[in-house]
């Protein structure tokens, strides 16, 4: 237990005031804590449990934050993600804390999050380096953001000077949050488009908005009725040549423990040989994993001239 406390103590000193992960037990680097993650959403801290853990173990985690002389949060929540009902346990809460919705900061960017959501709370924290990469490569670019969710990549692209961003996602509420994220960052919404459509029925519309200099593909690894990576990813890659211009870049993401990075490289080589593999982005340092191939995979490809 002390090793966990020591690790969290170190994480407190990194990116103070920013959203991030204090502890990533899902990476299997701490035996006995595989079902525990702890997120810092200033001024909140949320302990997320993916399965029930011993009561003493949870009590010790709560006590660590309650008794911390410097970093005691104003609000501490425990989210029991394995429960269908009564999943949120409020350990303590500041009078002025809005635990339903709050704006968080990542670098110079701001995003809305909903801490009480059992899943998809508004921002995938493990994609921080992907957003940073997009911001660094978006200057003057026409960007296509597929499976946009709440448009985190779009916000990064506009912050990086993108000429135009097209966001596509099946969820209108998610895209509405994306609009709010852009407004939160004082972005010019005339440079952003939001399409609440089924991707596989929207190729013509997307092509008319192109060609694109940068394409982000960040699908769910498995979402019944909408996307299954093993059979649907190649359908997206096959469309890249007609959607992109010369020297276009592609950020291809995969968050499935069962599929490794070679899966994406092989798909691209077979179905879209016009694009060459450039490299893989490192995952954020607050998401350590005993097996990187089971963790998030974010690969960069570039169109051959």
C-alpha atoms as a PDB file:
ATOM      1  CA  UNK A   1       0.000   0.000   0.000  1.00  0.00           C
ATOM      2  CA  UNK A   2       2.813   2.392   0.815  1.00  0.00           C
ATOM      3  CA  UNK A   3       4.212   2.024  -2.707  1.00  0.00           C
ATOM      4  CA  UNK A   4       0.863   3.227  -4.070  1.00  0.00           C
ATOM      5  CA  UNK A   5       0.848   6.215  -1.718  1.00  0.00           C
ATOM      6  CA  UNK A   6       4.424   7.096  -2.686  1.00  0.00           C
ATOM      7  CA  UNK A   7       3.520   6.945  -6.378  1.00  0.00           C
ATOM      8  CA  UNK A   8       0.461   9.187  -5.922  1.00  0.00           C
ATOM      9  CA  UNK A   9       2.599  11.630  -3.936  1.00  0.00           C
ATOM     10  CA  UNK A  10       4.972  11.917  -6.893  1.00  0.00           C
ATOM     11  CA  UNK A  11       2.081  12.460  -9.311  1.00  0.00           C
ATOM     12  CA  UNK A  12       0.804  15.402  -7.274  1.00  0.00           C
ATOM     13  CA  UNK A  13       3.874  17.408  -8.307  1.00  0.00           C
ATOM     14  CA  UNK A  14       3.261  16.943 -12.050  1.00  0.00           C
ATOM     15  CA  UNK A  15       1.115  19.441 -13.948  1.00  0.00           C
ATOM     16  CA  UNK A  16      -0.418  21.042 -10.826  1.00  0.00           C
ATOM     17  CA  UNK A  17      -3.850  22.495 -11.469  1.00  0.00           C
ATOM     18  CA  UNK A  18      -4.352  20.367 -14.599  1.00  0.00           C
ATOM     19  CA  UNK A  19      -6.615  17.398 -15.181  1.00  0.00           C
ATOM     20  CA  UNK A  20      -4.756  14.094 -15.113  1.00  0.00           C
ATOM     21  CA  UNK A  21      -4.486  10.630 -13.663  1.00  0.00           C
ATOM     22  CA  UNK A  22      -2.973  10.268 -10.224  1.00  0.00           C
ATOM     23  CA  UNK A  23      -2.993   6.472 -10.273  1.00  0.00           C
ATOM     24  CA  UNK A  24      -3.492   3.990 -13.120  1.00  0.00           C
ATOM     25  CA  UNK A  25      -3.946   0.563 -11.617  1.00  0.00           C
ATOM     26  CA  UNK A  26      -5.369  -0.709 -14.913  1.00  0.00           C
ATOM     27  CA  UNK A  27      -1.821  -0.746 -16.239  1.00  0.00           C
ATOM     28  CA  UNK A  28      -1.070  -3.686 -13.936  1.00  0.00           C
ATOM     29  CA  UNK A  29       2.055  -2.091 -12.483  1.00  0.00           C
ATOM     30  CA  UNK A  30       0.793  -2.405  -8.878  1.00  0.00           C
ATOM     31  CA  UNK A  31      -0.324  -5.871  -7.816  1.00  0.00           C
ATOM     32  CA  UNK A  32      -3.708  -5.919  -6.111  1.00  0.00           C
ATOM     33  CA  UNK A  33      -4.742  -2.527  -7.523  1.00  0.00           C
ATOM     34  CA  UNK A  34      -5.645  -3.548 -11.070  1.00  0.00           C
ATOM     35  CA  UNK A  35      -9.227  -2.340 -10.658  1.00  0.00           C
ATOM     36  CA  UNK A  36      -8.365   1.099  -9.246  1.00  0.00           C
ATOM     37  CA  UNK A  37      -7.763   4.364 -11.065  1.00  0.00           C
ATOM     38  CA  UNK A  38      -7.673   7.808  -9.476  1.00  0.00           C
ATOM     39  CA  UNK A  39      -8.287  10.955 -11.502  1.00  0.00           C
ATOM     40  CA  UNK A  40      -7.545  14.544 -10.524  1.00  0.00           C
ATOM     41  CA  UNK A  41     -10.171  16.931 -11.880  1.00  0.00           C
ATOM     42  CA  UNK A  42      -9.318  20.058  -9.913  1.00  0.00           C
ATOM     43  CA  UNK A  43     -10.741  20.745  -7.424  1.00  0.00           C
ATOM     44  CA  UNK A  44     -12.146  17.176  -7.370  1.00  0.00           C
ATOM     45  CA  UNK A  45     -10.486  13.800  -7.009  1.00  0.00           C
ATOM     46  CA  UNK A  46     -12.362  10.710  -8.211  1.00  0.00           C
ATOM     47  CA  UNK A  47     -11.441   7.167  -7.201  1.00  0.00           C
ATOM     48  CA  UNK A  48     -12.836   4.866  -9.905  1.00  0.00           C
ATOM     49  CA  UNK A  49     -13.326   1.182  -9.105  1.00  0.00           C
ATOM     50  CA  UNK A  50     -13.878  -1.243 -11.990  1.00  0.00           C
ATOM     51  CA  UNK A  51     -14.608  -4.131  -9.619  1.00  0.00           C
ATOM     52  CA  UNK A  52     -15.256  -4.375  -5.903  1.00  0.00           C
ATOM     53  CA  UNK A  53     -12.092  -4.193  -3.806  1.00  0.00           C
ATOM     54  CA  UNK A  54     -11.599  -5.057  -0.116  1.00  0.00           C
ATOM     55  CA  UNK A  55     -13.252  -2.515   2.165  1.00  0.00           C
ATOM     56  CA  UNK A  56      -9.995  -1.945   4.057  1.00  0.00           C
ATOM     57  CA  UNK A  57      -8.176  -1.136   0.821  1.00  0.00           C
ATOM     58  CA  UNK A  58     -10.752   1.497  -0.111  1.00  0.00           C
ATOM     59  CA  UNK A  59     -10.797   2.902   3.426  1.00  0.00           C
ATOM     60  CA  UNK A  60      -7.018   3.329   3.304  1.00  0.00           C
ATOM     61  CA  UNK A  61      -7.212   5.181  -0.030  1.00  0.00           C
ATOM     62  CA  UNK A  62      -9.890   7.536   1.271  1.00  0.00           C
ATOM     63  CA  UNK A  63      -7.940   8.102   4.502  1.00  0.00           C
ATOM     64  CA  UNK A  64      -4.790   8.951   2.522  1.00  0.00           C
ATOM     65  CA  UNK A  65      -6.569  11.878   0.858  1.00  0.00           C
ATOM     66  CA  UNK A  66      -8.527  12.875   3.970  1.00  0.00           C
ATOM     67  CA  UNK A  67      -5.385  13.144   6.041  1.00  0.00           C
ATOM     68  CA  UNK A  68      -3.085  14.616   3.397  1.00  0.00           C
ATOM     69  CA  UNK A  69      -1.539  17.806   4.829  1.00  0.00           C
ATOM     70  CA  UNK A  70      -1.080  19.530   1.446  1.00  0.00           C
ATOM     71  CA  UNK A  71      -3.172  17.918  -1.283  1.00  0.00           C
ATOM     72  CA  UNK A  72      -6.441  17.114   0.434  1.00  0.00           C
ATOM     73  CA  UNK A  73      -9.079  17.736  -2.266  1.00  0.00           C
ATOM     74  CA  UNK A  74     -12.088  19.923  -1.613  1.00  0.00           C
ATOM     75  CA  UNK A  75     -14.246  17.068  -2.912  1.00  0.00           C
ATOM     76  CA  UNK A  76     -13.591  13.324  -3.007  1.00  0.00           C
ATOM     77  CA  UNK A  77     -15.820  10.916  -4.903  1.00  0.00           C
ATOM     78  CA  UNK A  78     -15.697   7.151  -5.274  1.00  0.00           C
ATOM     79  CA  UNK A  79     -17.212   5.796  -8.445  1.00  0.00           C
ATOM     80  CA  UNK A  80     -18.181   2.106  -8.303  1.00  0.00           C
ATOM     81  CA  UNK A  81     -18.287   1.452 -12.041  1.00  0.00           C
ATOM     82  CA  UNK A  82     -19.299  -2.176 -11.579  1.00  0.00           C
ATOM     83  CA  UNK A  83     -22.638  -1.143 -10.046  1.00  0.00           C
ATOM     84  CA  UNK A  84     -25.746  -0.321 -12.044  1.00  0.00           C
ATOM     85  CA  UNK A  85     -27.260   1.720  -9.210  1.00  0.00           C
ATOM     86  CA  UNK A  86     -25.829   3.815  -6.384  1.00  0.00           C
ATOM     87  CA  UNK A  87     -22.501   3.931  -8.179  1.00  0.00           C
ATOM     88  CA  UNK A  88     -21.384   7.297  -6.751  1.00  0.00           C
ATOM     89  CA  UNK A  89     -20.160   7.605  -3.175  1.00  0.00           C
ATOM     90  CA  UNK A  90     -19.498  11.145  -1.980  1.00  0.00           C
ATOM     91  CA  UNK A  91     -16.849  10.991   0.725  1.00  0.00           C
ATOM     92  CA  UNK A  92     -16.936  14.758   1.222  1.00  0.00           C
ATOM     93  CA  UNK A  93     -17.869  17.716  -0.907  1.00  0.00           C
ATOM     94  CA  UNK A  94     -17.168  21.439  -0.837  1.00  0.00           C
ATOM     95  CA  UNK A  95     -20.258  23.613  -0.624  1.00  0.00           C
ATOM     96  CA  UNK A  96     -19.494  25.330  -3.939  1.00  0.00           C
ATOM     97  CA  UNK A  97     -18.368  22.215  -5.828  1.00  0.00           C
ATOM     98  CA  UNK A  98     -20.351  21.261  -8.929  1.00  0.00           C
ATOM     99  CA  UNK A  99     -19.752  17.528  -9.175  1.00  0.00           C
ATOM    100  CA  UNK A 100     -22.078  17.195 -12.163  1.00  0.00           C
ATOM    101  CA  UNK A 101     -20.126  19.404 -14.586  1.00  0.00           C
ATOM    102  CA  UNK A 102     -16.899  21.332 -14.420  1.00  0.00           C
ATOM    103  CA  UNK A 103     -14.331  22.896 -16.712  1.00  0.00           C
ATOM    104  CA  UNK A 104     -10.871  21.348 -16.526  1.00  0.00           C
ATOM    105  CA  UNK A 105      -7.542  22.499 -17.923  1.00  0.00           C
ATOM    106  CA  UNK A 106      -5.043  20.468 -19.969  1.00  0.00           C
ATOM    107  CA  UNK A 107      -2.037  22.554 -20.862  1.00  0.00           C
ATOM    108  CA  UNK A 108      -3.501  25.725 -22.370  1.00  0.00           C
ATOM    109  CA  UNK A 109      -6.739  24.001 -23.398  1.00  0.00           C
ATOM    110  CA  UNK A 110     -10.020  23.797 -21.483  1.00  0.00           C
ATOM    111  CA  UNK A 111     -12.702  21.112 -21.590  1.00  0.00           C
ATOM    112  CA  UNK A 112     -16.028  20.362 -19.967  1.00  0.00           C
ATOM    113  CA  UNK A 113     -16.218  17.127 -17.968  1.00  0.00           C
ATOM    114  CA  UNK A 114     -18.988  15.322 -16.096  1.00  0.00           C
ATOM    115  CA  UNK A 115     -17.322  13.472 -13.196  1.00  0.00           C
ATOM    116  CA  UNK A 116     -20.445  11.515 -12.235  1.00  0.00           C
ATOM    117  CA  UNK A 117     -20.746   9.820 -15.622  1.00  0.00           C
ATOM    118  CA  UNK A 118     -20.122   6.109 -15.228  1.00  0.00           C
ATOM    119  CA  UNK A 119     -18.387   6.075 -18.598  1.00  0.00           C
ATOM    120  CA  UNK A 120     -17.325   8.722 -21.101  1.00  0.00           C
ATOM    121  CA  UNK A 121     -17.101  11.643 -18.704  1.00  0.00           C
ATOM    122  CA  UNK A 122     -16.212  14.041 -21.530  1.00  0.00           C
ATOM    123  CA  UNK A 123     -12.457  13.726 -22.024  1.00  0.00           C
ATOM    124  CA  UNK A 124     -10.244  10.675 -22.461  1.00  0.00           C
ATOM    125  CA  UNK A 125      -7.252  11.563 -20.316  1.00  0.00           C
ATOM    126  CA  UNK A 126      -4.948   8.975 -21.898  1.00  0.00           C
ATOM    127  CA  UNK A 127      -5.166  10.815 -25.249  1.00  0.00           C
ATOM    128  CA  UNK A 128      -3.307  13.887 -23.975  1.00  0.00           C
ATOM    129  CA  UNK A 129      -0.221  13.275 -26.145  1.00  0.00           C
ATOM    130  CA  UNK A 130      -2.430  12.745 -29.189  1.00  0.00           C
ATOM    131  CA  UNK A 131      -4.096  16.116 -28.649  1.00  0.00           C
ATOM    132  CA  UNK A 132      -0.691  17.698 -28.144  1.00  0.00           C
ATOM    133  CA  UNK A 133       0.558  16.181 -31.422  1.00  0.00           C
ATOM    134  CA  UNK A 134      -2.476  17.476 -33.330  1.00  0.00           C
ATOM    135  CA  UNK A 135      -1.987  20.957 -31.908  1.00  0.00           C
ATOM    136  CA  UNK A 136       1.653  20.912 -32.988  1.00  0.00           C
ATOM    137  CA  UNK A 137       0.847  19.782 -36.565  1.00  0.00           C
ATOM    138  CA  UNK A 138      -2.366  21.689 -37.299  1.00  0.00           C
ATOM    139  CA  UNK A 139      -1.017  25.049 -38.487  1.00  0.00           C
ATOM    140  CA  UNK A 140      -2.910  25.962 -41.663  1.00  0.00           C
ATOM    141  CA  UNK A 141      -4.308  22.438 -42.008  1.00  0.00           C
ATOM    142  CA  UNK A 142      -7.724  21.205 -43.040  1.00  0.00           C
ATOM    143  CA  UNK A 143      -8.523  18.608 -40.408  1.00  0.00           C
ATOM    144  CA  UNK A 144     -10.987  15.708 -40.398  1.00  0.00           C
ATOM    145  CA  UNK A 145     -11.839  14.393 -36.934  1.00  0.00           C
ATOM    146  CA  UNK A 146     -13.594  11.033 -37.157  1.00  0.00           C
ATOM    147  CA  UNK A 147     -15.435   9.568 -34.153  1.00  0.00           C
ATOM    148  CA  UNK A 148     -15.071  13.055 -32.716  1.00  0.00           C
ATOM    149  CA  UNK A 149     -16.938  12.500 -29.415  1.00  0.00           C
ATOM    150  CA  UNK A 150     -16.684  15.884 -27.598  1.00  0.00           C
ATOM    151  CA  UNK A 151     -14.185  17.247 -30.134  1.00  0.00           C
ATOM    152  CA  UNK A 152     -11.020  17.234 -28.029  1.00  0.00           C
ATOM    153  CA  UNK A 153      -8.872  16.859 -31.152  1.00  0.00           C
ATOM    154  CA  UNK A 154     -10.806  19.660 -32.819  1.00  0.00           C
ATOM    155  CA  UNK A 155     -10.123  22.001 -29.901  1.00  0.00           C
ATOM    156  CA  UNK A 156      -6.415  21.101 -30.115  1.00  0.00           C
ATOM    157  CA  UNK A 157      -6.404  21.655 -33.884  1.00  0.00           C
ATOM    158  CA  UNK A 158      -7.989  25.123 -33.659  1.00  0.00           C
ATOM    159  CA  UNK A 159      -5.554  26.030 -30.888  1.00  0.00           C
ATOM    160  CA  UNK A 160      -2.756  24.954 -33.231  1.00  0.00           C
ATOM    161  CA  UNK A 161      -3.939  27.211 -36.050  1.00  0.00           C
ATOM    162  CA  UNK A 162      -5.969  24.826 -38.201  1.00  0.00           C
ATOM    163  CA  UNK A 163      -7.704  26.435 -41.153  1.00  0.00           C
ATOM    164  CA  UNK A 164     -10.782  24.250 -40.802  1.00  0.00           C
ATOM    165  CA  UNK A 165     -11.963  21.228 -38.810  1.00  0.00           C
ATOM    166  CA  UNK A 166     -14.750  18.820 -39.701  1.00  0.00           C
ATOM    167  CA  UNK A 167     -16.020  16.721 -36.774  1.00  0.00           C
ATOM    168  CA  UNK A 168     -18.124  13.619 -37.323  1.00  0.00           C
ATOM    169  CA  UNK A 169     -19.785  11.532 -34.628  1.00  0.00           C
ATOM    170  CA  UNK A 170     -23.096   9.675 -34.319  1.00  0.00           C
ATOM    171  CA  UNK A 171     -23.879  11.367 -31.003  1.00  0.00           C
ATOM    172  CA  UNK A 172     -25.484  14.805 -31.247  1.00  0.00           C
ATOM    173  CA  UNK A 173     -25.128  15.415 -27.468  1.00  0.00           C
ATOM    174  CA  UNK A 174     -21.404  14.687 -27.663  1.00  0.00           C
ATOM    175  CA  UNK A 175     -20.984  17.129 -30.548  1.00  0.00           C
ATOM    176  CA  UNK A 176     -23.001  19.737 -28.638  1.00  0.00           C
ATOM    177  CA  UNK A 177     -20.463  19.417 -25.836  1.00  0.00           C
ATOM    178  CA  UNK A 178     -17.801  19.805 -28.514  1.00  0.00           C
ATOM    179  CA  UNK A 179     -19.290  23.152 -29.500  1.00  0.00           C
ATOM    180  CA  UNK A 180     -19.242  24.193 -25.868  1.00  0.00           C
ATOM    181  CA  UNK A 181     -15.601  23.117 -25.601  1.00  0.00           C
ATOM    182  CA  UNK A 182     -14.712  25.386 -28.517  1.00  0.00           C
ATOM    183  CA  UNK A 183     -16.632  28.271 -26.950  1.00  0.00           C
ATOM    184  CA  UNK A 184     -14.845  27.616 -23.658  1.00  0.00           C
ATOM    185  CA  UNK A 185     -11.565  28.216 -25.529  1.00  0.00           C
ATOM    186  CA  UNK A 186     -12.883  31.317 -27.347  1.00  0.00           C
ATOM    187  CA  UNK A 187     -12.532  29.654 -30.751  1.00  0.00           C
ATOM    188  CA  UNK A 188     -13.995  30.889 -34.025  1.00  0.00           C
ATOM    189  CA  UNK A 189     -16.815  28.400 -34.687  1.00  0.00           C
ATOM    190  CA  UNK A 190     -17.052  29.475 -38.321  1.00  0.00           C
ATOM    191  CA  UNK A 191     -13.935  27.337 -38.871  1.00  0.00           C
ATOM    192  CA  UNK A 192     -15.542  24.219 -37.366  1.00  0.00           C
ATOM    193  CA  UNK A 193     -18.249  21.905 -38.661  1.00  0.00           C
ATOM    194  CA  UNK A 194     -20.165  19.251 -36.733  1.00  0.00           C
ATOM    195  CA  UNK A 195     -21.832  16.305 -38.492  1.00  0.00           C
ATOM    196  CA  UNK A 196     -23.985  13.994 -36.364  1.00  0.00           C
ATOM    197  CA  UNK A 197     -23.980  11.173 -38.901  1.00  0.00           C
ATOM    198  CA  UNK A 198     -23.147   7.525 -39.353  1.00  0.00           C
ATOM    199  CA  UNK A 199     -19.645   7.576 -40.814  1.00  0.00           C
ATOM    200  CA  UNK A 200     -20.274   4.701 -43.180  1.00  0.00           C
ATOM    201  CA  UNK A 201     -23.128   6.604 -44.815  1.00  0.00           C
ATOM    202  CA  UNK A 202     -21.332   9.944 -44.997  1.00  0.00           C
ATOM    203  CA  UNK A 203     -18.339   9.464 -47.276  1.00  0.00           C
ATOM    204  CA  UNK A 204     -19.759  11.745 -49.998  1.00  0.00           C
ATOM    205  CA  UNK A 205     -20.406  14.605 -47.568  1.00  0.00           C
ATOM    206  CA  UNK A 206     -16.943  14.275 -46.059  1.00  0.00           C
ATOM    207  CA  UNK A 207     -15.270  14.171 -49.461  1.00  0.00           C
ATOM    208  CA  UNK A 208     -17.015  17.393 -50.505  1.00  0.00           C
ATOM    209  CA  UNK A 209     -15.567  19.128 -47.440  1.00  0.00           C
ATOM    210  CA  UNK A 210     -12.035  17.952 -48.270  1.00  0.00           C
ATOM    211  CA  UNK A 211      -9.371  17.289 -49.216  1.00  0.00           C
ATOM    212  CA  UNK A 212      -7.825  17.101 -45.760  1.00  0.00           C
ATOM    213  CA  UNK A 213      -4.250  17.628 -44.636  1.00  0.00           C
ATOM    214  CA  UNK A 214      -4.692  15.816 -41.337  1.00  0.00           C
ATOM    215  CA  UNK A 215      -7.104  13.013 -40.429  1.00  0.00           C
ATOM    216  CA  UNK A 216      -7.721  11.756 -36.890  1.00  0.00           C
ATOM    217  CA  UNK A 217      -9.219   8.273 -36.550  1.00  0.00           C
ATOM    218  CA  UNK A 218     -10.106   7.515 -32.924  1.00  0.00           C
ATOM    219  CA  UNK A 219     -12.901   4.929 -32.936  1.00  0.00           C
ATOM    220  CA  UNK A 220     -14.279   2.914 -30.054  1.00  0.00           C
ATOM    221  CA  UNK A 221     -12.525  -0.447 -30.033  1.00  0.00           C
ATOM    222  CA  UNK A 222     -15.881  -2.191 -29.918  1.00  0.00           C
ATOM    223  CA  UNK A 223     -19.290  -0.586 -29.935  1.00  0.00           C
ATOM    224  CA  UNK A 224     -22.133  -2.931 -30.769  1.00  0.00           C
ATOM    225  CA  UNK A 225     -24.146  -1.634 -33.680  1.00  0.00           C
ATOM    226  CA  UNK A 226     -21.671   1.052 -34.750  1.00  0.00           C
ATOM    227  CA  UNK A 227     -18.014  -0.039 -34.857  1.00  0.00           C
ATOM    228  CA  UNK A 228     -16.034  -3.237 -34.458  1.00  0.00           C
ATOM    229  CA  UNK A 229     -12.337  -2.621 -34.988  1.00  0.00           C
ATOM    230  CA  UNK A 230     -11.515  -6.017 -36.488  1.00  0.00           C
ATOM    231  CA  UNK A 231     -13.968  -5.581 -39.350  1.00  0.00           C
ATOM    232  CA  UNK A 232     -14.668  -1.836 -39.604  1.00  0.00           C
ATOM    233  CA  UNK A 233     -11.261  -0.172 -39.285  1.00  0.00           C
ATOM    234  CA  UNK A 234     -10.218  -1.241 -42.769  1.00  0.00           C
ATOM    235  CA  UNK A 235     -13.389   0.365 -44.195  1.00  0.00           C
ATOM    236  CA  UNK A 236     -12.124   3.706 -42.924  1.00  0.00           C
ATOM    237  CA  UNK A 237      -8.552   3.259 -44.129  1.00  0.00           C
ATOM    238  CA  UNK A 238      -9.681   2.386 -47.644  1.00  0.00           C
ATOM    239  CA  UNK A 239     -11.269   5.851 -47.937  1.00  0.00           C
ATOM    240  CA  UNK A 240      -8.186   7.820 -46.955  1.00  0.00           C
ATOM    241  CA  UNK A 241      -6.725   8.267 -50.473  1.00  0.00           C
ATOM    242  CA  UNK A 242      -9.863  10.011 -51.759  1.00  0.00           C
ATOM    243  CA  UNK A 243     -10.249  12.149 -48.626  1.00  0.00           C
ATOM    244  CA  UNK A 244      -6.704  13.466 -48.329  1.00  0.00           C
ATOM    245  CA  UNK A 245      -4.376  15.785 -50.198  1.00  0.00           C
ATOM    246  CA  UNK A 246      -0.650  15.544 -50.837  1.00  0.00           C
ATOM    247  CA  UNK A 247       1.591  14.795 -47.861  1.00  0.00           C
ATOM    248  CA  UNK A 248      -1.430  14.354 -45.581  1.00  0.00           C
ATOM    249  CA  UNK A 249      -0.904  12.972 -42.108  1.00  0.00           C
ATOM    250  CA  UNK A 250      -3.090  10.444 -40.296  1.00  0.00           C
ATOM    251  CA  UNK A 251      -3.313   9.921 -36.542  1.00  0.00           C
ATOM    252  CA  UNK A 252      -4.652   6.392 -36.157  1.00  0.00           C
ATOM    253  CA  UNK A 253      -5.759   5.345 -32.669  1.00  0.00           C
ATOM    254  CA  UNK A 254      -6.680   1.996 -31.130  1.00  0.00           C
ATOM    255  CA  UNK A 255      -7.657   1.315 -27.518  1.00  0.00           C
ATOM    256  CA  UNK A 256      -8.230  -2.429 -27.521  1.00  0.00           C
ATOM    257  CA  UNK A 257      -6.107  -4.672 -25.264  1.00  0.00           C
ATOM    258  CA  UNK A 258      -6.633  -7.598 -27.639  1.00  0.00           C
ATOM    259  CA  UNK A 259      -5.223  -5.795 -30.701  1.00  0.00           C
ATOM    260  CA  UNK A 260      -1.625  -4.594 -30.886  1.00  0.00           C
ATOM    261  CA  UNK A 261      -0.040  -1.777 -32.881  1.00  0.00           C
ATOM    262  CA  UNK A 262       0.996  -4.190 -35.620  1.00  0.00           C
ATOM    263  CA  UNK A 263      -2.711  -4.698 -36.337  1.00  0.00           C
ATOM    264  CA  UNK A 264      -2.950  -1.079 -37.482  1.00  0.00           C
ATOM    265  CA  UNK A 265       0.329  -1.168 -39.387  1.00  0.00           C
ATOM    266  CA  UNK A 266      -0.701  -4.302 -41.263  1.00  0.00           C
ATOM    267  CA  UNK A 267      -4.130  -2.874 -42.113  1.00  0.00           C
ATOM    268  CA  UNK A 268      -2.616   0.319 -43.458  1.00  0.00           C
ATOM    269  CA  UNK A 269       0.003  -1.530 -45.494  1.00  0.00           C
ATOM    270  CA  UNK A 270      -2.606  -3.824 -47.055  1.00  0.00           C
ATOM    271  CA  UNK A 271      -5.537  -1.479 -47.600  1.00  0.00           C
ATOM    272  CA  UNK A 272      -3.897   1.945 -47.865  1.00  0.00           C
ATOM    273  CA  UNK A 273      -0.301   1.520 -49.094  1.00  0.00           C
ATOM    274  CA  UNK A 274      -0.149   5.194 -50.108  1.00  0.00           C
ATOM    275  CA  UNK A 275       0.562   5.966 -46.455  1.00  0.00           C
ATOM    276  CA  UNK A 276       3.814   5.081 -44.737  1.00  0.00           C
ATOM    277  CA  UNK A 277       4.311   4.497 -41.016  1.00  0.00           C
ATOM    278  CA  UNK A 278       6.089   7.373 -39.267  1.00  0.00           C
ATOM    279  CA  UNK A 279       6.001   6.318 -35.618  1.00  0.00           C
ATOM    280  CA  UNK A 280       4.013   5.710 -32.468  1.00  0.00           C
ATOM    281  CA  UNK A 281       3.292   8.388 -29.897  1.00  0.00           C
ATOM    282  CA  UNK A 282       4.287   7.716 -26.320  1.00  0.00           C
ATOM    283  CA  UNK A 283       1.363   7.414 -23.937  1.00  0.00           C
ATOM    284  CA  UNK A 284       1.157   9.982 -21.128  1.00  0.00           C
ATOM    285  CA  UNK A 285       3.528   9.338 -18.250  1.00  0.00           C
ATOM    286  CA  UNK A 286       0.596   9.113 -15.832  1.00  0.00           C
ATOM    287  CA  UNK A 287      -0.661   5.991 -17.675  1.00  0.00           C
ATOM    288  CA  UNK A 288       2.126   3.448 -17.046  1.00  0.00           C
ATOM    289  CA  UNK A 289       1.416  -0.042 -18.375  1.00  0.00           C
ATOM    290  CA  UNK A 290       3.212  -3.336 -17.859  1.00  0.00           C
ATOM    291  CA  UNK A 291       2.466  -4.216 -21.503  1.00  0.00           C
ATOM    292  CA  UNK A 292       2.378  -1.222 -23.868  1.00  0.00           C
ATOM    293  CA  UNK A 293       0.698  -3.304 -26.565  1.00  0.00           C
ATOM    294  CA  UNK A 294      -2.352  -3.744 -24.336  1.00  0.00           C
ATOM    295  CA  UNK A 295      -2.520  -0.017 -23.684  1.00  0.00           C
ATOM    296  CA  UNK A 296      -3.658   2.783 -25.995  1.00  0.00           C
ATOM    297  CA  UNK A 297      -1.968   2.724 -29.401  1.00  0.00           C
ATOM    298  CA  UNK A 298      -1.580   6.029 -31.291  1.00  0.00           C
ATOM    299  CA  UNK A 299       0.234   5.740 -34.630  1.00  0.00           C
ATOM    300  CA  UNK A 300       1.223   8.387 -37.164  1.00  0.00           C
ATOM    301  CA  UNK A 301       1.190   7.756 -40.921  1.00  0.00           C
ATOM    302  CA  UNK A 302       2.053  10.093 -43.789  1.00  0.00           C
ATOM    303  CA  UNK A 303       0.941  10.047 -47.404  1.00  0.00           C
ATOM    304  CA  UNK A 304       3.701   9.321 -49.868  1.00  0.00           C
ATOM    305  CA  UNK A 305       4.265  12.092 -52.414  1.00  0.00           C
END
